[in-house]
């Protein structure tokens, strides 16, 4: 894996956790509190924050798709995870595993090249 692909994966990992947490925050603090109490001033800022994070996540996902040459099914899975509350946390776990696997593969290639 080249450095551009690794950095694209890392950026997607960095945004997946805040995006995954912003959606439940919007649902709980924005929607629920505005319905059961007079606290309705949280809906707008949380909605804007979640919208910005979701768009950034989608752009980073497209960047990873382009650089890592992921199949459409994998990209669709990560997009669907972004639509679920806390789904991005599972996506982050999957990305962390993929990142670790690629680092181990790069080290193995480097050691094989040094041994030869």
N, C-alpha and C. Protein backbone atom coordinates (compact mmCIF):
# COMPACT_ATOMS: atom_id res chain seq x y z
N UNK A 1 0.86 -1.17 0.00
CA UNK A 1 0.00 0.00 0.00
C UNK A 1 0.91 1.23 0.00
N UNK A 2 0.61 2.15 -0.88
CA UNK A 2 1.43 3.36 -0.96
C UNK A 2 0.99 4.37 0.11
N UNK A 3 1.75 5.43 0.24
CA UNK A 3 1.51 6.42 1.28
C UNK A 3 0.20 7.18 1.07
N UNK A 4 -0.18 7.41 -0.18
CA UNK A 4 -1.43 8.13 -0.46
C UNK A 4 -2.65 7.29 -0.03
N UNK A 5 -2.60 6.02 -0.30
CA UNK A 5 -3.69 5.14 0.10
C UNK A 5 -3.76 5.02 1.62
N UNK A 6 -2.60 4.88 2.25
CA UNK A 6 -2.56 4.78 3.71
C UNK A 6 -3.07 6.05 4.37
N UNK A 7 -2.71 7.20 3.82
CA UNK A 7 -3.19 8.46 4.42
C UNK A 7 -4.69 8.64 4.17
N UNK A 8 -5.19 8.18 3.05
CA UNK A 8 -6.63 8.26 2.79
C UNK A 8 -7.40 7.38 3.77
N UNK A 9 -6.90 6.18 4.02
CA UNK A 9 -7.52 5.30 5.01
C UNK A 9 -7.48 5.91 6.41
N UNK A 10 -6.35 6.52 6.73
CA UNK A 10 -6.22 7.13 8.06
C UNK A 10 -7.18 8.31 8.22
N UNK A 11 -7.34 9.11 7.19
CA UNK A 11 -8.29 10.23 7.26
C UNK A 11 -9.72 9.72 7.45
N UNK A 12 -10.06 8.65 6.74
CA UNK A 12 -11.40 8.07 6.90
C UNK A 12 -11.60 7.56 8.32
N UNK A 13 -10.57 6.95 8.89
CA UNK A 13 -10.66 6.49 10.28
C UNK A 13 -10.84 7.67 11.23
N UNK A 14 -10.11 8.76 11.00
CA UNK A 14 -10.20 9.91 11.89
C UNK A 14 -11.59 10.53 11.90
N UNK A 15 -12.27 10.53 10.77
CA UNK A 15 -13.59 11.17 10.70
C UNK A 15 -14.71 10.20 11.06
N UNK A 16 -14.46 8.90 11.01
CA UNK A 16 -15.55 7.94 11.23
C UNK A 16 -16.07 7.97 12.67
N UNK A 17 -15.21 8.16 13.65
CA UNK A 17 -15.66 8.17 15.04
C UNK A 17 -16.49 9.41 15.36
N UNK A 18 -16.01 10.64 15.05
CA UNK A 18 -16.86 11.80 15.32
C UNK A 18 -18.18 11.76 14.56
N UNK A 19 -18.16 11.26 13.33
CA UNK A 19 -19.39 11.17 12.56
C UNK A 19 -20.33 10.16 13.20
N UNK A 20 -19.77 9.04 13.68
CA UNK A 20 -20.60 8.01 14.31
C UNK A 20 -21.23 8.50 15.61
N UNK A 21 -20.55 9.37 16.32
CA UNK A 21 -21.08 9.87 17.59
C UNK A 21 -21.99 11.07 17.41
N UNK A 22 -21.84 11.80 16.31
CA UNK A 22 -22.67 12.99 16.11
C UNK A 22 -24.12 12.64 15.80
N UNK A 23 -24.35 11.51 15.14
CA UNK A 23 -25.71 11.13 14.80
C UNK A 23 -26.54 10.77 16.04
N UNK A 24 -26.03 9.90 16.93
CA UNK A 24 -26.80 9.65 18.16
C UNK A 24 -26.95 10.91 19.02
N UNK A 25 -25.94 11.76 19.03
CA UNK A 25 -26.06 13.01 19.78
C UNK A 25 -27.19 13.86 19.21
N UNK A 26 -27.29 13.91 17.90
CA UNK A 26 -28.38 14.64 17.27
C UNK A 26 -29.73 14.03 17.63
N UNK A 27 -29.80 12.70 17.58
CA UNK A 27 -31.06 12.03 17.91
C UNK A 27 -31.46 12.23 19.37
N UNK A 28 -30.50 12.08 20.27
CA UNK A 28 -30.81 12.15 21.70
C UNK A 28 -30.99 13.59 22.16
N UNK A 29 -29.95 14.39 21.94
CA UNK A 29 -29.98 15.76 22.48
C UNK A 29 -30.81 16.71 21.63
N UNK A 30 -30.86 16.46 20.35
CA UNK A 30 -31.62 17.34 19.48
C UNK A 30 -33.09 16.99 19.44
N UNK A 31 -33.38 15.81 18.97
CA UNK A 31 -34.78 15.41 18.76
C UNK A 31 -35.52 15.11 20.05
N UNK A 32 -34.96 14.24 20.86
CA UNK A 32 -35.67 13.80 22.06
C UNK A 32 -35.86 14.94 23.05
N UNK A 33 -34.78 15.67 23.32
CA UNK A 33 -34.90 16.76 24.29
C UNK A 33 -35.83 17.87 23.81
N UNK A 34 -35.85 18.11 22.51
CA UNK A 34 -36.76 19.16 22.03
C UNK A 34 -38.22 18.73 22.13
N UNK A 35 -38.47 17.43 22.14
CA UNK A 35 -39.84 16.95 22.24
C UNK A 35 -40.34 16.84 23.68
N UNK A 36 -39.45 16.48 24.61
CA UNK A 36 -39.89 16.28 25.98
C UNK A 36 -39.65 17.49 26.89
N UNK A 37 -38.94 18.49 26.39
CA UNK A 37 -38.69 19.67 27.21
C UNK A 37 -38.65 20.90 26.32
N UNK A 38 -38.31 22.01 26.91
CA UNK A 38 -38.22 23.26 26.16
C UNK A 38 -36.83 23.49 25.58
N UNK A 39 -35.98 22.50 25.66
CA UNK A 39 -34.61 22.63 25.14
C UNK A 39 -34.64 22.32 23.64
N UNK A 40 -34.78 23.35 22.85
CA UNK A 40 -34.81 23.15 21.40
C UNK A 40 -33.68 23.87 20.68
N UNK A 41 -32.81 24.51 21.43
CA UNK A 41 -31.71 25.26 20.81
C UNK A 41 -30.53 24.36 20.43
N UNK A 42 -30.57 23.08 20.74
CA UNK A 42 -29.48 22.16 20.37
C UNK A 42 -29.67 21.55 18.99
N UNK A 43 -30.89 21.55 18.50
CA UNK A 43 -31.19 20.88 17.24
C UNK A 43 -30.40 21.46 16.06
N UNK A 44 -30.42 22.76 15.92
CA UNK A 44 -29.75 23.39 14.77
C UNK A 44 -28.23 23.18 14.79
N UNK A 45 -27.51 23.49 15.89
CA UNK A 45 -26.06 23.29 15.84
C UNK A 45 -25.66 21.82 15.69
N UNK A 46 -26.37 20.93 16.35
CA UNK A 46 -26.05 19.51 16.21
C UNK A 46 -26.36 19.00 14.80
N UNK A 47 -27.42 19.49 14.21
CA UNK A 47 -27.75 19.10 12.83
C UNK A 47 -26.70 19.58 11.84
N UNK A 48 -26.25 20.81 12.02
CA UNK A 48 -25.21 21.35 11.14
C UNK A 48 -23.91 20.57 11.32
N UNK A 49 -23.54 20.32 12.58
CA UNK A 49 -22.31 19.58 12.86
C UNK A 49 -22.36 18.19 12.24
N UNK A 50 -23.47 17.49 12.45
CA UNK A 50 -23.59 16.15 11.89
C UNK A 50 -23.58 16.19 10.35
N UNK A 51 -24.24 17.16 9.77
CA UNK A 51 -24.25 17.27 8.31
C UNK A 51 -22.86 17.50 7.75
N UNK A 52 -22.10 18.37 8.37
CA UNK A 52 -20.72 18.64 7.91
C UNK A 52 -19.87 17.39 8.04
N UNK A 53 -19.97 16.71 9.20
CA UNK A 53 -19.18 15.50 9.41
C UNK A 53 -19.57 14.39 8.43
N UNK A 54 -20.86 14.28 8.12
CA UNK A 54 -21.31 13.26 7.18
C UNK A 54 -20.78 13.54 5.77
N UNK A 55 -20.81 14.78 5.35
CA UNK A 55 -20.30 15.13 4.02
C UNK A 55 -18.80 14.87 3.94
N UNK A 56 -18.07 15.24 4.99
CA UNK A 56 -16.63 14.98 5.01
C UNK A 56 -16.37 13.47 4.95
N UNK A 57 -17.14 12.71 5.71
CA UNK A 57 -17.01 11.24 5.69
C UNK A 57 -17.24 10.71 4.28
N UNK A 58 -18.28 11.18 3.62
CA UNK A 58 -18.59 10.71 2.26
C UNK A 58 -17.47 11.05 1.29
N UNK A 59 -16.91 12.25 1.40
CA UNK A 59 -15.81 12.66 0.52
C UNK A 59 -14.58 11.79 0.78
N UNK A 60 -14.26 11.55 2.07
CA UNK A 60 -13.11 10.71 2.40
C UNK A 60 -13.33 9.26 1.95
N UNK A 61 -14.57 8.79 2.03
CA UNK A 61 -14.89 7.44 1.57
C UNK A 61 -14.68 7.34 0.06
N UNK A 62 -15.10 8.34 -0.68
CA UNK A 62 -14.87 8.35 -2.13
C UNK A 62 -13.38 8.40 -2.45
N UNK A 63 -12.61 9.13 -1.63
CA UNK A 63 -11.16 9.21 -1.83
C UNK A 63 -10.52 7.84 -1.60
N UNK A 64 -10.95 7.14 -0.56
CA UNK A 64 -10.41 5.79 -0.30
C UNK A 64 -10.81 4.85 -1.43
N UNK A 65 -12.04 4.96 -1.89
CA UNK A 65 -12.50 4.12 -3.00
C UNK A 65 -11.62 4.32 -4.23
N UNK A 66 -11.28 5.55 -4.49
CA UNK A 66 -10.46 5.88 -5.65
C UNK A 66 -9.02 5.38 -5.47
N UNK A 67 -8.44 5.59 -4.29
CA UNK A 67 -7.03 5.26 -4.09
C UNK A 67 -6.79 3.80 -3.75
N UNK A 68 -7.68 3.21 -2.95
CA UNK A 68 -7.48 1.82 -2.52
C UNK A 68 -8.11 0.82 -3.48
N UNK A 69 -8.88 1.31 -4.44
CA UNK A 69 -9.55 0.45 -5.42
C UNK A 69 -10.43 -0.60 -4.74
N UNK A 70 -11.21 -0.12 -3.77
CA UNK A 70 -12.14 -1.01 -3.07
C UNK A 70 -13.27 -1.42 -4.01
N UNK A 71 -13.82 -2.61 -3.81
CA UNK A 71 -15.00 -3.01 -4.59
C UNK A 71 -16.22 -2.19 -4.13
N UNK A 72 -17.21 -2.11 -4.98
CA UNK A 72 -18.40 -1.31 -4.71
C UNK A 72 -19.12 -1.81 -3.45
N UNK A 73 -19.13 -3.12 -3.23
CA UNK A 73 -19.82 -3.67 -2.06
C UNK A 73 -19.20 -3.17 -0.76
N UNK A 74 -17.89 -3.06 -0.73
CA UNK A 74 -17.20 -2.60 0.47
C UNK A 74 -17.50 -1.12 0.72
N UNK A 75 -17.50 -0.33 -0.32
CA UNK A 75 -17.82 1.10 -0.20
C UNK A 75 -19.26 1.26 0.25
N UNK A 76 -20.15 0.46 -0.31
CA UNK A 76 -21.57 0.52 0.09
C UNK A 76 -21.74 0.14 1.55
N UNK A 77 -20.99 -0.85 2.02
CA UNK A 77 -21.06 -1.25 3.43
C UNK A 77 -20.65 -0.09 4.34
N UNK A 78 -19.54 0.57 4.01
CA UNK A 78 -19.09 1.69 4.84
C UNK A 78 -20.06 2.86 4.78
N UNK A 79 -20.70 3.06 3.65
CA UNK A 79 -21.70 4.12 3.54
C UNK A 79 -22.92 3.78 4.39
N UNK A 80 -23.36 2.54 4.33
CA UNK A 80 -24.50 2.12 5.15
C UNK A 80 -24.18 2.19 6.65
N UNK A 81 -22.95 1.88 7.02
CA UNK A 81 -22.55 2.01 8.42
C UNK A 81 -22.64 3.46 8.89
N UNK A 82 -22.39 4.40 7.99
CA UNK A 82 -22.48 5.81 8.35
C UNK A 82 -23.93 6.24 8.56
N UNK A 83 -24.86 5.52 8.01
CA UNK A 83 -26.28 5.86 8.17
C UNK A 83 -26.86 5.32 9.47
N UNK A 84 -26.17 4.38 10.09
CA UNK A 84 -26.66 3.79 11.33
C UNK A 84 -26.05 4.49 12.54
N UNK A 85 -26.84 4.68 13.60
CA UNK A 85 -26.24 5.24 14.82
C UNK A 85 -25.15 4.30 15.34
N UNK A 86 -24.02 4.84 15.64
CA UNK A 86 -22.83 4.10 16.10
C UNK A 86 -22.27 3.14 15.06
N UNK A 87 -22.76 3.16 13.84
CA UNK A 87 -22.25 2.27 12.80
C UNK A 87 -20.82 2.59 12.41
N UNK A 88 -20.46 3.85 12.47
CA UNK A 88 -19.10 4.25 12.14
C UNK A 88 -18.07 3.71 13.10
N UNK A 89 -18.48 3.39 14.33
CA UNK A 89 -17.55 2.79 15.29
C UNK A 89 -17.13 1.40 14.83
N UNK A 90 -18.09 0.65 14.29
CA UNK A 90 -17.76 -0.66 13.73
C UNK A 90 -16.89 -0.48 12.48
N UNK A 91 -17.21 0.52 11.66
CA UNK A 91 -16.40 0.80 10.48
C UNK A 91 -14.98 1.17 10.86
N UNK A 92 -14.82 1.94 11.95
CA UNK A 92 -13.49 2.30 12.42
C UNK A 92 -12.71 1.07 12.83
N UNK A 93 -13.39 0.13 13.49
CA UNK A 93 -12.74 -1.12 13.90
C UNK A 93 -12.27 -1.90 12.67
N UNK A 94 -13.10 -1.94 11.63
CA UNK A 94 -12.71 -2.64 10.40
C UNK A 94 -11.54 -1.94 9.71
N UNK A 95 -11.57 -0.60 9.71
CA UNK A 95 -10.48 0.16 9.09
C UNK A 95 -9.17 -0.02 9.86
N UNK A 96 -9.27 -0.06 11.17
CA UNK A 96 -8.07 -0.26 11.99
C UNK A 96 -7.43 -1.60 11.67
N UNK A 97 -8.25 -2.62 11.52
CA UNK A 97 -7.75 -3.95 11.18
C UNK A 97 -7.09 -3.94 9.80
N UNK A 98 -7.72 -3.28 8.85
CA UNK A 98 -7.16 -3.22 7.49
C UNK A 98 -5.86 -2.43 7.47
N UNK A 99 -5.80 -1.36 8.25
CA UNK A 99 -4.59 -0.55 8.33
C UNK A 99 -3.44 -1.38 8.93
N UNK A 100 -3.73 -2.13 9.98
CA UNK A 100 -2.71 -2.96 10.61
C UNK A 100 -2.23 -4.06 9.66
N UNK A 101 -3.15 -4.66 8.93
CA UNK A 101 -2.77 -5.69 7.97
C UNK A 101 -1.87 -5.13 6.88
N UNK A 102 -2.17 -3.94 6.41
CA UNK A 102 -1.36 -3.35 5.34
C UNK A 102 0.02 -2.97 5.85
N UNK A 103 0.12 -2.52 7.10
CA UNK A 103 1.43 -2.20 7.68
C UNK A 103 2.26 -3.46 7.83
N UNK A 104 1.65 -4.54 8.28
CA UNK A 104 2.37 -5.80 8.42
C UNK A 104 2.84 -6.33 7.07
N UNK A 105 2.00 -6.19 6.05
CA UNK A 105 2.38 -6.64 4.71
C UNK A 105 3.54 -5.81 4.17
N UNK A 106 3.51 -4.51 4.42
CA UNK A 106 4.60 -3.64 3.95
C UNK A 106 5.91 -3.99 4.65
N UNK A 107 5.84 -4.28 5.96
CA UNK A 107 7.05 -4.68 6.69
C UNK A 107 7.59 -5.99 6.17
N UNK A 108 6.72 -6.93 5.88
CA UNK A 108 7.16 -8.23 5.36
C UNK A 108 7.82 -8.07 4.00
N UNK A 109 7.26 -7.22 3.15
CA UNK A 109 7.88 -6.98 1.84
C UNK A 109 9.26 -6.34 2.01
N UNK A 110 9.36 -5.39 2.94
CA UNK A 110 10.62 -4.70 3.16
C UNK A 110 11.68 -5.67 3.70
N UNK A 111 11.30 -6.54 4.63
CA UNK A 111 12.23 -7.51 5.18
C UNK A 111 12.66 -8.52 4.13
N UNK A 112 11.72 -8.93 3.26
CA UNK A 112 12.07 -9.86 2.19
C UNK A 112 13.03 -9.21 1.21
N UNK A 113 12.83 -7.93 0.95
CA UNK A 113 13.73 -7.24 0.02
C UNK A 113 15.13 -7.07 0.66
N UNK A 114 15.18 -6.82 1.94
CA UNK A 114 16.48 -6.68 2.63
C UNK A 114 17.22 -8.01 2.74
N UNK A 115 16.48 -9.09 2.87
CA UNK A 115 17.10 -10.41 3.00
C UNK A 115 17.65 -10.90 1.67
N UNK A 116 17.10 -10.43 0.58
CA UNK A 116 17.52 -10.91 -0.74
C UNK A 116 18.77 -10.27 -1.24
